[in-house]
Amino acid sequence: MSTYTSKTKTGATLTVYYDTSDPQDEGWAWRCGGDSGRIDDFTDLATVLREHSPDDLDGLPTFGGTEPDDTEGVWSWDETSLLVGACIRDLEIVDRLRSDVDADDIQQLRDEAAAAGDHVQVEVCDRALANDAEAWNECHDVIADARAQRDA
C-alpha cells in the first residue's frame, strides 16, 4: 500500500492499494477522503493521479511486463507501455522503447537531420538519446519508415 498527500483534497491522503476484499475481483484500487475506485490500467491510474495531484509518484502499481532498464521518469508500466513524465502535469502513456532501433541508429538519424538543417528532428533525437521514451518512439517511427522505403 502506498500513501500520498493529495494536493487537491485538503488534508486528505490518497491511498493506492491492492484490494483483496473480494477474492473474485481482486485488483488495484484507490481511496482519498470519501472518494474511491478501481485502477484497472494506466488510464485509470493517470486519471486518479491527475485528479488528486499527489506529492510524489514513488511506489505506484505496475501492470505486468518486465521493469524497464532505465526507470528515470517512468512511474508505471505494463508489457507494451510506460507511464512517464517529469511531473503530474505532463504524465503520459507511451509505447515501450522498441528494440529494433538502438542509440547508434538514433545518432545516425540525428546526424542526417543536422546535415539537412532539420532542427526539430535534431531536438527529438537529442531527447531520445537522453532516454526520453516518447522521443525514442518518434525516432523509431522515422527510422522504420526510412527502412521500409529503402527495402521497398
N, C-alpha and C. Protein backbone atom coordinates (compact mmCIF):
# COMPACT_ATOMS: atom_id res chain seq x y z
N MET A 1 0.86 -1.18 0.00
CA MET A 1 0.00 0.00 0.00
C MET A 1 0.89 1.23 0.00
N SER A 2 0.58 2.17 -0.89
CA SER A 2 1.31 3.42 -0.95
C SER A 2 0.36 4.55 -0.62
N THR A 3 0.83 5.48 0.18
CA THR A 3 0.01 6.64 0.53
C THR A 3 0.73 7.91 0.09
N TYR A 4 -0.06 8.89 -0.33
CA TYR A 4 0.45 10.15 -0.83
C TYR A 4 -0.41 11.27 -0.28
N THR A 5 0.17 12.43 -0.10
CA THR A 5 -0.62 13.59 0.29
C THR A 5 -1.23 14.18 -0.97
N SER A 6 -2.55 14.33 -0.97
CA SER A 6 -3.24 14.90 -2.11
C SER A 6 -3.14 16.41 -2.06
N LYS A 7 -2.73 17.02 -3.16
CA LYS A 7 -2.63 18.48 -3.21
C LYS A 7 -3.97 19.12 -3.55
N THR A 8 -4.94 18.34 -4.00
CA THR A 8 -6.22 18.93 -4.39
C THR A 8 -7.32 18.66 -3.37
N LYS A 9 -7.11 17.75 -2.47
CA LYS A 9 -8.10 17.43 -1.43
C LYS A 9 -7.45 17.79 -0.09
N THR A 10 -7.67 18.98 0.38
CA THR A 10 -7.03 19.49 1.58
C THR A 10 -7.15 18.50 2.74
N GLY A 11 -6.01 18.14 3.30
CA GLY A 11 -5.97 17.25 4.45
C GLY A 11 -6.23 15.80 4.14
N ALA A 12 -6.49 15.45 2.88
CA ALA A 12 -6.80 14.07 2.52
C ALA A 12 -5.53 13.33 2.14
N THR A 13 -5.58 12.03 2.32
CA THR A 13 -4.48 11.17 1.91
C THR A 13 -4.96 10.28 0.78
N LEU A 14 -4.23 10.28 -0.32
CA LEU A 14 -4.51 9.39 -1.43
C LEU A 14 -3.82 8.08 -1.12
N THR A 15 -4.58 6.99 -1.11
CA THR A 15 -4.02 5.67 -0.87
C THR A 15 -4.26 4.82 -2.12
N VAL A 16 -3.19 4.25 -2.63
CA VAL A 16 -3.26 3.32 -3.76
C VAL A 16 -2.88 1.96 -3.19
N TYR A 17 -3.75 0.97 -3.37
CA TYR A 17 -3.54 -0.32 -2.73
C TYR A 17 -4.10 -1.46 -3.57
N TYR A 18 -3.64 -2.66 -3.26
CA TYR A 18 -4.16 -3.85 -3.93
C TYR A 18 -5.32 -4.35 -3.08
N ASP A 19 -6.52 -4.29 -3.63
CA ASP A 19 -7.75 -4.62 -2.90
C ASP A 19 -8.03 -6.12 -3.00
N THR A 20 -8.00 -6.79 -1.85
CA THR A 20 -8.29 -8.23 -1.80
C THR A 20 -9.59 -8.50 -1.06
N SER A 21 -10.41 -7.48 -0.86
CA SER A 21 -11.64 -7.64 -0.07
C SER A 21 -12.63 -8.60 -0.74
N ASP A 22 -12.60 -8.68 -2.07
CA ASP A 22 -13.46 -9.63 -2.80
C ASP A 22 -12.54 -10.56 -3.59
N PRO A 23 -12.34 -11.79 -3.10
CA PRO A 23 -11.42 -12.72 -3.78
C PRO A 23 -11.78 -12.98 -5.24
N GLN A 24 -13.03 -12.77 -5.61
CA GLN A 24 -13.45 -12.96 -7.01
C GLN A 24 -13.09 -11.77 -7.89
N ASP A 25 -12.74 -10.63 -7.26
CA ASP A 25 -12.50 -9.40 -8.01
C ASP A 25 -11.35 -8.60 -7.40
N GLU A 26 -10.19 -9.25 -7.19
CA GLU A 26 -9.03 -8.56 -6.64
C GLU A 26 -8.45 -7.61 -7.68
N GLY A 27 -7.80 -6.55 -7.22
CA GLY A 27 -7.16 -5.64 -8.15
C GLY A 27 -6.77 -4.34 -7.47
N TRP A 28 -6.11 -3.47 -8.22
CA TRP A 28 -5.67 -2.18 -7.70
C TRP A 28 -6.86 -1.25 -7.48
N ALA A 29 -6.76 -0.45 -6.43
CA ALA A 29 -7.83 0.49 -6.09
C ALA A 29 -7.21 1.74 -5.47
N TRP A 30 -8.02 2.75 -5.30
CA TRP A 30 -7.57 3.99 -4.67
C TRP A 30 -8.66 4.50 -3.74
N ARG A 31 -8.22 5.33 -2.79
CA ARG A 31 -9.14 5.96 -1.85
C ARG A 31 -8.53 7.31 -1.46
N CYS A 32 -9.37 8.34 -1.42
CA CYS A 32 -8.93 9.67 -1.00
C CYS A 32 -10.13 10.39 -0.40
N GLY A 33 -10.07 10.69 0.88
CA GLY A 33 -11.22 11.27 1.55
C GLY A 33 -12.39 10.32 1.41
N GLY A 34 -13.53 10.80 0.94
CA GLY A 34 -14.71 9.96 0.75
C GLY A 34 -14.80 9.33 -0.63
N ASP A 35 -13.83 9.61 -1.49
CA ASP A 35 -13.83 9.07 -2.85
C ASP A 35 -13.00 7.79 -2.93
N SER A 36 -13.39 6.88 -3.81
CA SER A 36 -12.61 5.67 -4.03
C SER A 36 -12.98 5.07 -5.38
N GLY A 37 -12.19 4.12 -5.83
CA GLY A 37 -12.48 3.47 -7.10
C GLY A 37 -11.43 2.45 -7.46
N ARG A 38 -11.64 1.82 -8.60
CA ARG A 38 -10.73 0.79 -9.12
C ARG A 38 -9.67 1.43 -10.01
N ILE A 39 -8.54 0.77 -10.11
CA ILE A 39 -7.48 1.13 -11.05
C ILE A 39 -7.19 -0.12 -11.87
N ASP A 40 -7.75 -0.18 -13.06
CA ASP A 40 -7.60 -1.36 -13.90
C ASP A 40 -6.45 -1.26 -14.90
N ASP A 41 -6.00 -0.03 -15.20
CA ASP A 41 -4.96 0.14 -16.21
C ASP A 41 -4.33 1.51 -16.06
N PHE A 42 -3.41 1.83 -16.98
CA PHE A 42 -2.72 3.12 -16.95
C PHE A 42 -3.68 4.29 -17.01
N THR A 43 -4.70 4.18 -17.82
CA THR A 43 -5.64 5.28 -17.98
C THR A 43 -6.28 5.61 -16.64
N ASP A 44 -6.74 4.59 -15.94
CA ASP A 44 -7.33 4.81 -14.61
C ASP A 44 -6.32 5.42 -13.66
N LEU A 45 -5.10 4.87 -13.65
CA LEU A 45 -4.06 5.37 -12.74
C LEU A 45 -3.74 6.83 -13.05
N ALA A 46 -3.53 7.16 -14.32
CA ALA A 46 -3.22 8.54 -14.70
C ALA A 46 -4.36 9.48 -14.32
N THR A 47 -5.60 9.06 -14.49
CA THR A 47 -6.75 9.89 -14.13
C THR A 47 -6.75 10.19 -12.64
N VAL A 48 -6.53 9.18 -11.82
CA VAL A 48 -6.50 9.37 -10.36
C VAL A 48 -5.36 10.30 -9.98
N LEU A 49 -4.20 10.11 -10.56
CA LEU A 49 -3.06 10.95 -10.23
C LEU A 49 -3.30 12.40 -10.63
N ARG A 50 -3.87 12.62 -11.80
CA ARG A 50 -4.15 14.00 -12.23
C ARG A 50 -5.21 14.65 -11.35
N GLU A 51 -6.22 13.88 -10.95
CA GLU A 51 -7.30 14.42 -10.13
C GLU A 51 -6.82 14.79 -8.73
N HIS A 52 -5.93 14.00 -8.16
CA HIS A 52 -5.54 14.21 -6.77
C HIS A 52 -4.16 14.83 -6.59
N SER A 53 -3.40 14.96 -7.67
CA SER A 53 -2.07 15.60 -7.64
C SER A 53 -1.26 15.22 -6.41
N PRO A 54 -0.88 13.96 -6.28
CA PRO A 54 -0.12 13.56 -5.09
C PRO A 54 1.24 14.25 -5.03
N ASP A 55 1.79 14.28 -3.83
CA ASP A 55 3.05 14.96 -3.60
C ASP A 55 4.25 14.25 -4.23
N ASP A 56 4.13 12.96 -4.51
CA ASP A 56 5.18 12.24 -5.21
C ASP A 56 4.55 11.09 -5.99
N LEU A 57 5.37 10.41 -6.77
CA LEU A 57 4.86 9.33 -7.61
C LEU A 57 5.52 7.99 -7.32
N ASP A 58 6.35 7.92 -6.29
CA ASP A 58 7.05 6.68 -5.98
C ASP A 58 6.09 5.60 -5.51
N GLY A 59 6.39 4.35 -5.88
CA GLY A 59 5.63 3.21 -5.38
C GLY A 59 4.31 2.96 -6.07
N LEU A 60 4.12 3.47 -7.27
CA LEU A 60 2.86 3.24 -7.98
C LEU A 60 2.79 1.80 -8.47
N PRO A 61 1.58 1.28 -8.66
CA PRO A 61 1.46 -0.11 -9.15
C PRO A 61 1.94 -0.23 -10.59
N THR A 62 2.34 -1.44 -10.94
CA THR A 62 2.67 -1.77 -12.32
C THR A 62 1.66 -2.82 -12.79
N PHE A 63 1.58 -3.01 -14.09
CA PHE A 63 0.53 -3.85 -14.65
C PHE A 63 1.08 -4.96 -15.54
N GLY A 64 2.25 -5.49 -15.18
CA GLY A 64 2.84 -6.60 -15.92
C GLY A 64 4.02 -6.15 -16.75
N GLY A 65 4.68 -7.12 -17.37
CA GLY A 65 5.87 -6.82 -18.16
C GLY A 65 7.08 -6.66 -17.27
N THR A 66 8.24 -6.66 -17.87
CA THR A 66 9.48 -6.52 -17.11
C THR A 66 9.75 -5.05 -16.80
N GLU A 67 10.47 -4.83 -15.72
CA GLU A 67 10.85 -3.46 -15.36
C GLU A 67 11.80 -2.92 -16.42
N PRO A 68 11.58 -1.68 -16.87
CA PRO A 68 12.49 -1.10 -17.86
C PRO A 68 13.91 -0.99 -17.30
N ASP A 69 14.91 -1.07 -18.18
CA ASP A 69 16.30 -0.94 -17.76
C ASP A 69 16.55 0.41 -17.11
N ASP A 70 15.95 1.46 -17.66
CA ASP A 70 16.10 2.81 -17.13
C ASP A 70 14.73 3.29 -16.68
N THR A 71 14.56 3.50 -15.38
CA THR A 71 13.26 3.92 -14.86
C THR A 71 13.21 5.41 -14.52
N GLU A 72 14.19 6.17 -14.95
CA GLU A 72 14.17 7.62 -14.73
C GLU A 72 12.96 8.21 -15.44
N GLY A 73 12.05 8.81 -14.70
CA GLY A 73 10.85 9.41 -15.27
C GLY A 73 9.78 8.41 -15.66
N VAL A 74 9.98 7.13 -15.33
CA VAL A 74 8.99 6.08 -15.61
C VAL A 74 8.34 5.72 -14.28
N TRP A 75 7.02 5.86 -14.18
CA TRP A 75 6.33 5.68 -12.92
C TRP A 75 5.56 4.37 -12.84
N SER A 76 5.20 3.81 -13.97
CA SER A 76 4.48 2.55 -14.00
C SER A 76 4.61 1.97 -15.40
N TRP A 77 4.26 0.69 -15.56
CA TRP A 77 4.38 0.06 -16.87
C TRP A 77 3.53 -1.18 -16.96
N ASP A 78 3.35 -1.63 -18.21
CA ASP A 78 2.80 -2.95 -18.48
C ASP A 78 3.67 -3.56 -19.57
N GLU A 79 3.20 -4.59 -20.24
CA GLU A 79 4.03 -5.27 -21.23
C GLU A 79 4.35 -4.41 -22.44
N THR A 80 3.48 -3.47 -22.78
CA THR A 80 3.66 -2.71 -24.02
C THR A 80 3.81 -1.20 -23.84
N SER A 81 3.53 -0.68 -22.64
CA SER A 81 3.51 0.78 -22.46
C SER A 81 4.18 1.20 -21.17
N LEU A 82 4.49 2.50 -21.11
CA LEU A 82 5.09 3.11 -19.92
C LEU A 82 4.28 4.35 -19.54
N LEU A 83 4.14 4.60 -18.25
CA LEU A 83 3.57 5.85 -17.75
C LEU A 83 4.76 6.73 -17.38
N VAL A 84 4.96 7.80 -18.14
CA VAL A 84 6.16 8.63 -17.99
C VAL A 84 5.78 10.10 -17.77
N GLY A 85 6.75 10.84 -17.29
CA GLY A 85 6.58 12.28 -17.13
C GLY A 85 7.46 12.80 -16.02
N ALA A 86 7.82 14.07 -16.11
CA ALA A 86 8.63 14.70 -15.08
C ALA A 86 7.79 15.09 -13.87
N CYS A 87 6.50 15.32 -14.09
CA CYS A 87 5.61 15.72 -13.01
C CYS A 87 4.17 15.34 -13.39
N ILE A 88 3.23 15.56 -12.48
CA ILE A 88 1.83 15.20 -12.72
C ILE A 88 1.30 15.86 -13.98
N ARG A 89 1.63 17.12 -14.21
CA ARG A 89 1.09 17.86 -15.37
C ARG A 89 1.44 17.22 -16.70
N ASP A 90 2.59 16.54 -16.79
CA ASP A 90 2.98 16.01 -18.10
C ASP A 90 2.99 14.48 -18.15
N LEU A 91 2.23 13.83 -17.27
CA LEU A 91 2.12 12.37 -17.33
C LEU A 91 1.51 11.95 -18.66
N GLU A 92 2.09 10.94 -19.27
CA GLU A 92 1.52 10.39 -20.48
C GLU A 92 1.89 8.92 -20.61
N ILE A 93 1.10 8.24 -21.40
CA ILE A 93 1.34 6.84 -21.67
C ILE A 93 2.01 6.74 -23.03
N VAL A 94 3.18 6.08 -23.09
CA VAL A 94 3.91 5.93 -24.34
C VAL A 94 4.23 4.45 -24.56
N ASP A 95 4.47 4.09 -25.81
CA ASP A 95 4.89 2.73 -26.13
C ASP A 95 6.26 2.48 -25.51
N ARG A 96 6.52 1.23 -25.15
CA ARG A 96 7.86 0.87 -24.68
C ARG A 96 8.85 1.09 -25.81
N LEU A 97 10.10 1.34 -25.43
CA LEU A 97 11.14 1.51 -26.43
C LEU A 97 11.20 0.25 -27.30
N ARG A 98 11.28 0.45 -28.55
CA ARG A 98 11.28 -0.68 -29.48
C ARG A 98 12.72 -1.14 -29.71
N SER A 99 12.94 -2.43 -29.61
CA SER A 99 14.29 -2.97 -29.59
C SER A 99 14.98 -3.02 -30.95
N ASP A 100 14.26 -2.80 -32.05
CA ASP A 100 14.91 -2.88 -33.35
C ASP A 100 15.60 -1.58 -33.75
N VAL A 101 15.62 -0.60 -32.86
CA VAL A 101 16.34 0.65 -33.05
C VAL A 101 17.22 0.85 -31.82
N ASP A 102 18.49 1.20 -32.05
CA ASP A 102 19.37 1.44 -30.91
C ASP A 102 19.92 2.87 -30.96
N ALA A 103 20.74 3.20 -29.98
CA ALA A 103 21.27 4.56 -29.87
C ALA A 103 22.10 4.94 -31.09
N ASP A 104 22.82 3.97 -31.69
CA ASP A 104 23.60 4.27 -32.89
C ASP A 104 22.69 4.67 -34.05
N ASP A 105 21.54 4.00 -34.18
CA ASP A 105 20.57 4.35 -35.22
C ASP A 105 20.05 5.78 -35.01
N ILE A 106 19.77 6.11 -33.76
CA ILE A 106 19.23 7.45 -33.47
C ILE A 106 20.31 8.51 -33.68
N GLN A 107 21.56 8.19 -33.33
CA GLN A 107 22.65 9.13 -33.57
C GLN A 107 22.82 9.38 -35.06
N GLN A 108 22.70 8.32 -35.87
CA GLN A 108 22.80 8.47 -37.33
C GLN A 108 21.66 9.35 -37.86
N LEU A 109 20.43 9.12 -37.35
CA LEU A 109 19.30 9.95 -37.74
C LEU A 109 19.55 11.41 -37.35
N ARG A 110 20.10 11.62 -36.16
CA ARG A 110 20.40 12.97 -35.70
C ARG A 110 21.40 13.65 -36.63
N ASP A 111 22.46 12.91 -36.99
CA ASP A 111 23.49 13.47 -37.87
C ASP A 111 22.90 13.84 -39.23
N GLU A 112 22.05 12.97 -39.77
CA GLU A 112 21.41 13.24 -41.06
C GLU A 112 20.47 14.45 -40.96
N ALA A 113 19.74 14.53 -39.85
CA ALA A 113 18.83 15.67 -39.66
C ALA A 113 19.61 16.97 -39.53
N ALA A 114 20.72 16.93 -38.80
CA ALA A 114 21.55 18.14 -38.64
C ALA A 114 22.10 18.58 -40.00
N ALA A 115 22.56 17.62 -40.80
CA ALA A 115 23.11 17.95 -42.12
C ALA A 115 22.04 18.55 -43.02
N ALA A 116 20.79 18.13 -42.83
CA ALA A 116 19.68 18.64 -43.64
C ALA A 116 19.07 19.91 -43.05
N GLY A 117 19.55 20.34 -41.89
CA GLY A 117 19.02 21.55 -41.27
C GLY A 117 17.68 21.35 -40.58
N ASP A 118 17.34 20.11 -40.26
CA ASP A 118 16.07 19.79 -39.59
C ASP A 118 16.27 19.87 -38.07
N HIS A 119 16.16 21.08 -37.54
CA HIS A 119 16.44 21.31 -36.12
C HIS A 119 15.42 20.65 -35.20
N VAL A 120 14.20 20.50 -35.67
CA VAL A 120 13.17 19.84 -34.86
C VAL A 120 13.54 18.37 -34.66
N GLN A 121 13.94 17.68 -35.75
CA GLN A 121 14.32 16.27 -35.63
C GLN A 121 15.58 16.12 -34.78
N VAL A 122 16.51 17.05 -34.89
CA VAL A 122 17.72 17.00 -34.06
C VAL A 122 17.34 17.05 -32.58
N GLU A 123 16.41 17.95 -32.24
CA GLU A 123 15.97 18.08 -30.84
C GLU A 123 15.28 16.80 -30.36
N VAL A 124 14.47 16.19 -31.22
CA VAL A 124 13.80 14.93 -30.86
C VAL A 124 14.85 13.85 -30.63
N CYS A 125 15.84 13.77 -31.51
CA CYS A 125 16.91 12.78 -31.34
C CYS A 125 17.70 13.02 -30.06
N ASP A 126 17.98 14.27 -29.75
CA ASP A 126 18.69 14.58 -28.51
C ASP A 126 17.91 14.09 -27.29
N ARG A 127 16.58 14.31 -27.31
CA ARG A 127 15.75 13.82 -26.20
C ARG A 127 15.75 12.29 -26.16
N ALA A 128 15.70 11.66 -27.33
CA ALA A 128 15.72 10.19 -27.37
C ALA A 128 17.03 9.65 -26.81
N LEU A 129 18.13 10.28 -27.19
CA LEU A 129 19.43 9.83 -26.70
C LEU A 129 19.60 10.07 -25.20
N ALA A 130 18.76 10.94 -24.64
CA ALA A 130 18.74 11.18 -23.19
C ALA A 130 17.69 10.29 -22.50
N ASN A 131 17.22 9.26 -23.24
CA ASN A 131 16.28 8.26 -22.72
C ASN A 131 14.86 8.76 -22.52
N ASP A 132 14.41 9.71 -23.33
CA ASP A 132 13.02 10.13 -23.33
C ASP A 132 12.25 9.12 -24.17
N ALA A 133 11.36 8.35 -23.53
CA ALA A 133 10.66 7.24 -24.20
C ALA A 133 9.82 7.73 -25.37
N GLU A 134 9.12 8.85 -25.22
CA GLU A 134 8.29 9.35 -26.31
C GLU A 134 9.16 9.74 -27.51
N ALA A 135 10.26 10.43 -27.25
CA ALA A 135 11.15 10.83 -28.34
C ALA A 135 11.77 9.61 -29.01
N TRP A 136 12.12 8.60 -28.20
CA TRP A 136 12.69 7.37 -28.77
C TRP A 136 11.69 6.75 -29.75
N ASN A 137 10.43 6.70 -29.35
CA ASN A 137 9.41 6.13 -30.22
C ASN A 137 9.20 6.97 -31.48
N GLU A 138 9.30 8.29 -31.36
CA GLU A 138 9.20 9.14 -32.56
C GLU A 138 10.35 8.83 -33.51
N CYS A 139 11.56 8.70 -32.98
CA CYS A 139 12.71 8.37 -33.82
C CYS A 139 12.54 6.99 -34.43
N HIS A 140 12.04 6.05 -33.65
CA HIS A 140 11.80 4.70 -34.15
C HIS A 140 10.91 4.76 -35.38
N ASP A 141 9.83 5.54 -35.30
CA ASP A 141 8.89 5.61 -36.42
C ASP A 141 9.56 6.19 -37.67
N VAL A 142 10.37 7.22 -37.51
CA VAL A 142 11.07 7.82 -38.65
C VAL A 142 12.04 6.81 -39.26
N ILE A 143 12.79 6.11 -38.40
CA ILE A 143 13.76 5.12 -38.89
C ILE A 143 13.04 3.95 -39.55
N ALA A 144 11.95 3.48 -38.95
CA ALA A 144 11.20 2.36 -39.53
C ALA A 144 10.64 2.74 -40.90
N ASP A 145 10.13 3.97 -41.03
CA ASP A 145 9.62 4.43 -42.33
C ASP A 145 10.74 4.47 -43.37
N ALA A 146 11.91 4.98 -42.98
CA ALA A 146 13.04 5.06 -43.91
C ALA A 146 13.48 3.66 -44.33
N ARG A 147 13.52 2.74 -43.38
CA ARG A 147 13.91 1.35 -43.70
C ARG A 147 12.89 0.72 -44.65
N ALA A 148 11.61 0.97 -44.42
CA ALA A 148 10.57 0.40 -45.27
C ALA A 148 10.68 0.94 -46.69
N GLN A 149 10.96 2.24 -46.83
CA GLN A 149 11.14 2.84 -48.16
C GLN A 149 12.37 2.27 -48.85
N ARG A 150 13.44 2.08 -48.08
CA ARG A 150 14.68 1.55 -48.65
C ARG A 150 14.47 0.12 -49.13
N ASP A 151 13.72 -0.67 -48.37
CA ASP A 151 13.52 -2.10 -48.69
C ASP A 151 12.42 -2.35 -49.71
N ALA A 152 11.67 -1.30 -50.06
CA ALA A 152 10.53 -1.48 -51.00
C ALA A 152 10.99 -1.62 -52.43
